[in-house]
Each structure stands twice: as structure tokens, then as C-alpha cells.
């Protein structure tokens, strides 16, 4: 039946993304979340990323998008935690490292006086 084929197709996509997380960039959900972030619709982007994180848990590109949304909403600590988790899954991931550096450069430096 058609529904059985759809279920199988989704299972195959999920398995493929688990093997190669970068493939998530080709999904409608990832594209929509990225578009919403670019347009400044941060809450809507977070809803999309949260939903897709349920389908593709521990997917570093989704985690990076989620962290960018968290940071844009002023949830810097959550964003840092998300990126640290992403980097534990994919040490040295350039996208996660760039996002982390960007967040660190825009967050107040607590407890640091003048040099």
C-alpha cells in the first residue's frame, strides 16, 4: 500500500541521515528551518528544528541550526550546550565550531575585566 511505501521511504531516509548526517540538508524540514532563521523568524525556526530533531536525533547539522535559533532568541547558555553536544558527536565539525565562535564573540564576557 502507499502508506507502507511512505513509511519505508521515511525509514530509509532516517537510516541514511544516521549514516551521513549531512544528508539532512536535503530535507524539506532542514531547508525550511534554515530559511526561517535567515528571515529572522527564530521561534518558527525553532519549532521546525525541534520537530526534525525528533525524527533525526543527534544530527549535528540540525543541532547547529537549533543552536543558532537559541542564540538568536537570547538563550545563549542553551545554544552553547547544544553546540557542545554537537561537537561531542562530531569533534571538529567546522559548522558547529563556527557557530560556537560566533556565539562566544557576541555574548558578554562574564567575570573578565579589562586586559
C-alpha atoms as a PDB file:
ATOM      1  CA  UNK A   1       0.000   0.000   0.000  1.00  0.00           C
ATOM      2  CA  UNK A   2       1.006   3.617  -0.436  1.00  0.00           C
ATOM      3  CA  UNK A   3       1.247   4.251   3.308  1.00  0.00           C
ATOM      4  CA  UNK A   4       3.542   1.274   3.704  1.00  0.00           C
ATOM      5  CA  UNK A   5       5.774   2.653   0.953  1.00  0.00           C
ATOM      6  CA  UNK A   6       5.826   6.089   2.635  1.00  0.00           C
ATOM      7  CA  UNK A   7       6.773   4.520   5.965  1.00  0.00           C
ATOM      8  CA  UNK A   8       9.568   2.531   4.311  1.00  0.00           C
ATOM      9  CA  UNK A   9      10.824   5.623   2.489  1.00  0.00           C
ATOM     10  CA  UNK A  10      10.925   7.578   5.765  1.00  0.00           C
ATOM     11  CA  UNK A  11      12.760   4.733   7.488  1.00  0.00           C
ATOM     12  CA  UNK A  12      15.311   4.673   4.661  1.00  0.00           C
ATOM     13  CA  UNK A  13      15.800   8.477   4.876  1.00  0.00           C
ATOM     14  CA  UNK A  14      16.241   8.236   8.641  1.00  0.00           C
ATOM     15  CA  UNK A  15      18.802   5.441   8.273  1.00  0.00           C
ATOM     16  CA  UNK A  16      20.676   7.392   5.569  1.00  0.00           C
ATOM     17  CA  UNK A  17      20.851  10.522   7.733  1.00  0.00           C
ATOM     18  CA  UNK A  18      22.136   8.453  10.665  1.00  0.00           C
ATOM     19  CA  UNK A  19      24.965   7.210   8.437  1.00  0.00           C
ATOM     20  CA  UNK A  20      25.625  10.609   6.833  1.00  0.00           C
ATOM     21  CA  UNK A  21      24.159  13.496   8.867  1.00  0.00           C
ATOM     22  CA  UNK A  22      24.953  16.000   6.100  1.00  0.00           C
ATOM     23  CA  UNK A  23      22.153  14.464   4.036  1.00  0.00           C
ATOM     24  CA  UNK A  24      19.672  16.174   6.356  1.00  0.00           C
ATOM     25  CA  UNK A  25      20.460  19.405   4.482  1.00  0.00           C
ATOM     26  CA  UNK A  26      18.472  17.989   1.557  1.00  0.00           C
ATOM     27  CA  UNK A  27      15.288  17.534   3.596  1.00  0.00           C
ATOM     28  CA  UNK A  28      12.410  19.989   3.460  1.00  0.00           C
ATOM     29  CA  UNK A  29      12.490  20.423   7.228  1.00  0.00           C
ATOM     30  CA  UNK A  30      16.127  21.477   7.302  1.00  0.00           C
ATOM     31  CA  UNK A  31      15.641  23.832   4.358  1.00  0.00           C
ATOM     32  CA  UNK A  32      12.566  25.384   5.968  1.00  0.00           C
ATOM     33  CA  UNK A  33      14.314  25.859   9.329  1.00  0.00           C
ATOM     34  CA  UNK A  34      17.324  27.472   7.649  1.00  0.00           C
ATOM     35  CA  UNK A  35      15.090  29.768   5.604  1.00  0.00           C
ATOM     36  CA  UNK A  36      13.156  30.850   8.701  1.00  0.00           C
ATOM     37  CA  UNK A  37      16.427  31.586  10.531  1.00  0.00           C
ATOM     38  CA  UNK A  38      17.720  33.684   7.622  1.00  0.00           C
ATOM     39  CA  UNK A  39      14.462  35.645   7.556  1.00  0.00           C
ATOM     40  CA  UNK A  40      14.589  36.331  11.296  1.00  0.00           C
ATOM     41  CA  UNK A  41      11.633  34.079  12.207  1.00  0.00           C
ATOM     42  CA  UNK A  42      13.508  32.480  15.099  1.00  0.00           C
ATOM     43  CA  UNK A  43      10.597  30.985  17.062  1.00  0.00           C
ATOM     44  CA  UNK A  44       9.178  29.350  13.938  1.00  0.00           C
ATOM     45  CA  UNK A  45      12.631  28.056  13.013  1.00  0.00           C
ATOM     46  CA  UNK A  46      12.970  26.528  16.475  1.00  0.00           C
ATOM     47  CA  UNK A  47       9.617  24.768  16.088  1.00  0.00           C
ATOM     48  CA  UNK A  48      10.820  23.252  12.813  1.00  0.00           C
ATOM     49  CA  UNK A  49      14.214  22.228  14.229  1.00  0.00           C
ATOM     50  CA  UNK A  50      12.646  20.763  17.371  1.00  0.00           C
ATOM     51  CA  UNK A  51      10.235  18.700  15.277  1.00  0.00           C
ATOM     52  CA  UNK A  52      13.011  17.451  12.976  1.00  0.00           C
ATOM     53  CA  UNK A  53      15.281  16.664  15.926  1.00  0.00           C
ATOM     54  CA  UNK A  54      12.649  14.131  16.971  1.00  0.00           C
ATOM     55  CA  UNK A  55      12.945  12.432  13.569  1.00  0.00           C
ATOM     56  CA  UNK A  56      16.735  12.759  13.345  1.00  0.00           C
ATOM     57  CA  UNK A  57      18.086  12.830  16.917  1.00  0.00           C
ATOM     58  CA  UNK A  58      21.781  13.570  17.347  1.00  0.00           C
ATOM     59  CA  UNK A  59      22.025  15.048  13.853  1.00  0.00           C
ATOM     60  CA  UNK A  60      24.778  17.660  14.023  1.00  0.00           C
ATOM     61  CA  UNK A  61      23.540  19.969  11.211  1.00  0.00           C
ATOM     62  CA  UNK A  62      20.118  20.152  12.884  1.00  0.00           C
ATOM     63  CA  UNK A  63      21.741  20.756  16.256  1.00  0.00           C
ATOM     64  CA  UNK A  64      23.755  23.643  14.794  1.00  0.00           C
ATOM     65  CA  UNK A  65      20.591  25.184  13.327  1.00  0.00           C
ATOM     66  CA  UNK A  66      18.839  24.735  16.639  1.00  0.00           C
ATOM     67  CA  UNK A  67      21.733  26.407  18.474  1.00  0.00           C
ATOM     68  CA  UNK A  68      21.652  29.373  16.085  1.00  0.00           C
ATOM     69  CA  UNK A  69      17.949  29.780  16.806  1.00  0.00           C
ATOM     70  CA  UNK A  70      18.525  29.507  20.538  1.00  0.00           C
ATOM     71  CA  UNK A  71      21.221  32.175  20.373  1.00  0.00           C
ATOM     72  CA  UNK A  72      19.021  34.473  18.289  1.00  0.00           C
ATOM     73  CA  UNK A  73      16.308  34.161  20.952  1.00  0.00           C
ATOM     74  CA  UNK A  74      18.805  35.162  23.656  1.00  0.00           C
ATOM     75  CA  UNK A  75      19.210  31.618  25.004  1.00  0.00           C
ATOM     76  CA  UNK A  76      22.996  31.721  24.827  1.00  0.00           C
ATOM     77  CA  UNK A  77      23.587  29.096  27.504  1.00  0.00           C
ATOM     78  CA  UNK A  78      21.220  26.647  25.736  1.00  0.00           C
ATOM     79  CA  UNK A  79      22.927  27.367  22.411  1.00  0.00           C
ATOM     80  CA  UNK A  80      26.366  26.680  23.881  1.00  0.00           C
ATOM     81  CA  UNK A  81      25.122  23.431  25.448  1.00  0.00           C
ATOM     82  CA  UNK A  82      23.613  22.321  22.121  1.00  0.00           C
ATOM     83  CA  UNK A  83      26.842  23.092  20.245  1.00  0.00           C
ATOM     84  CA  UNK A  84      28.981  21.343  22.858  1.00  0.00           C
ATOM     85  CA  UNK A  85      26.787  18.247  22.437  1.00  0.00           C
ATOM     86  CA  UNK A  86      27.132  18.515  18.646  1.00  0.00           C
ATOM     87  CA  UNK A  87      30.903  18.711  18.969  1.00  0.00           C
ATOM     88  CA  UNK A  88      30.938  15.630  21.198  1.00  0.00           C
ATOM     89  CA  UNK A  89      29.161  13.775  18.368  1.00  0.00           C
ATOM     90  CA  UNK A  90      31.335  15.274  15.633  1.00  0.00           C
ATOM     91  CA  UNK A  91      34.576  16.656  17.076  1.00  0.00           C
ATOM     92  CA  UNK A  92      35.994  19.392  14.893  1.00  0.00           C
ATOM     93  CA  UNK A  93      32.802  19.887  12.866  1.00  0.00           C
ATOM     94  CA  UNK A  94      33.514  23.195  11.071  1.00  0.00           C
ATOM     95  CA  UNK A  95      29.898  24.398  11.095  1.00  0.00           C
ATOM     96  CA  UNK A  96      29.497  23.727  14.824  1.00  0.00           C
ATOM     97  CA  UNK A  97      32.864  25.341  15.611  1.00  0.00           C
ATOM     98  CA  UNK A  98      31.995  28.438  13.555  1.00  0.00           C
ATOM     99  CA  UNK A  99      28.616  28.750  15.282  1.00  0.00           C
ATOM    100  CA  UNK A 100      30.260  28.355  18.702  1.00  0.00           C
ATOM    101  CA  UNK A 101      32.851  31.003  17.890  1.00  0.00           C
ATOM    102  CA  UNK A 102      30.104  33.343  16.644  1.00  0.00           C
ATOM    103  CA  UNK A 103      28.053  32.903  19.794  1.00  0.00           C
ATOM    104  CA  UNK A 104      31.077  33.354  22.054  1.00  0.00           C
ATOM    105  CA  UNK A 105      32.061  36.561  20.256  1.00  0.00           C
ATOM    106  CA  UNK A 106      28.579  38.041  20.710  1.00  0.00           C
ATOM    107  CA  UNK A 107      27.994  37.012  24.322  1.00  0.00           C
ATOM    108  CA  UNK A 108      29.092  39.145  27.260  1.00  0.00           C
ATOM    109  CA  UNK A 109      32.348  38.031  28.807  1.00  0.00           C
ATOM    110  CA  UNK A 110      31.360  37.330  32.383  1.00  0.00           C
ATOM    111  CA  UNK A 111      33.985  37.934  35.030  1.00  0.00           C
ATOM    112  CA  UNK A 112      36.585  39.303  32.643  1.00  0.00           C
ATOM    113  CA  UNK A 113      37.952  42.739  33.331  1.00  0.00           C
ATOM    114  CA  UNK A 114      40.000  44.917  31.012  1.00  0.00           C
ATOM    115  CA  UNK A 115      43.167  43.317  29.711  1.00  0.00           C
END
